[in-house]
Amino acid sequence: MPGFPADQQIVLSDGVNDGYDPPHLVAANDALQQAGFKSSLVTFEDEAHSQLAALPNVQKEDMRERGLAGAEFIHMEVDTSLRRGPDCEAACDGVIAALKPVFRRDDFTKS
């Protein structure tokens, strides 16, 4: 497992090193930052950060196999301090609350 960036709590990626950050990925990062989390997008500029980017990823491949290739895949790595710290339940609740408005149900229903 790669080392987690010391100055971050959450790292997000769309699992593709193409220089493009999809709208929901950017919105998720913005929402987490506004909620007070130290969040960033994977930039692929350094090896350690790039290893957190979900390249490859079983869930992303499953989405493609199911015909959901156009769906926006987002991979989220959460630092151990949030996942196992003394306030982990509150931290998880905070992440969910921050992201809920970004991922409205009507955004993901097929037309």
Foldseek 3Di string as FASTA:
>chain_A
DFDDPPQFFKEKAQQDQPQDDDPLRVLLQVLCVVLPGRYYYQNPPDDRSVVQHPNDPPVLVVCVVVVNVVDRHMDMDGDCCCCPNPCVVVSVVSSCVSSDVSDDPVVPDDD
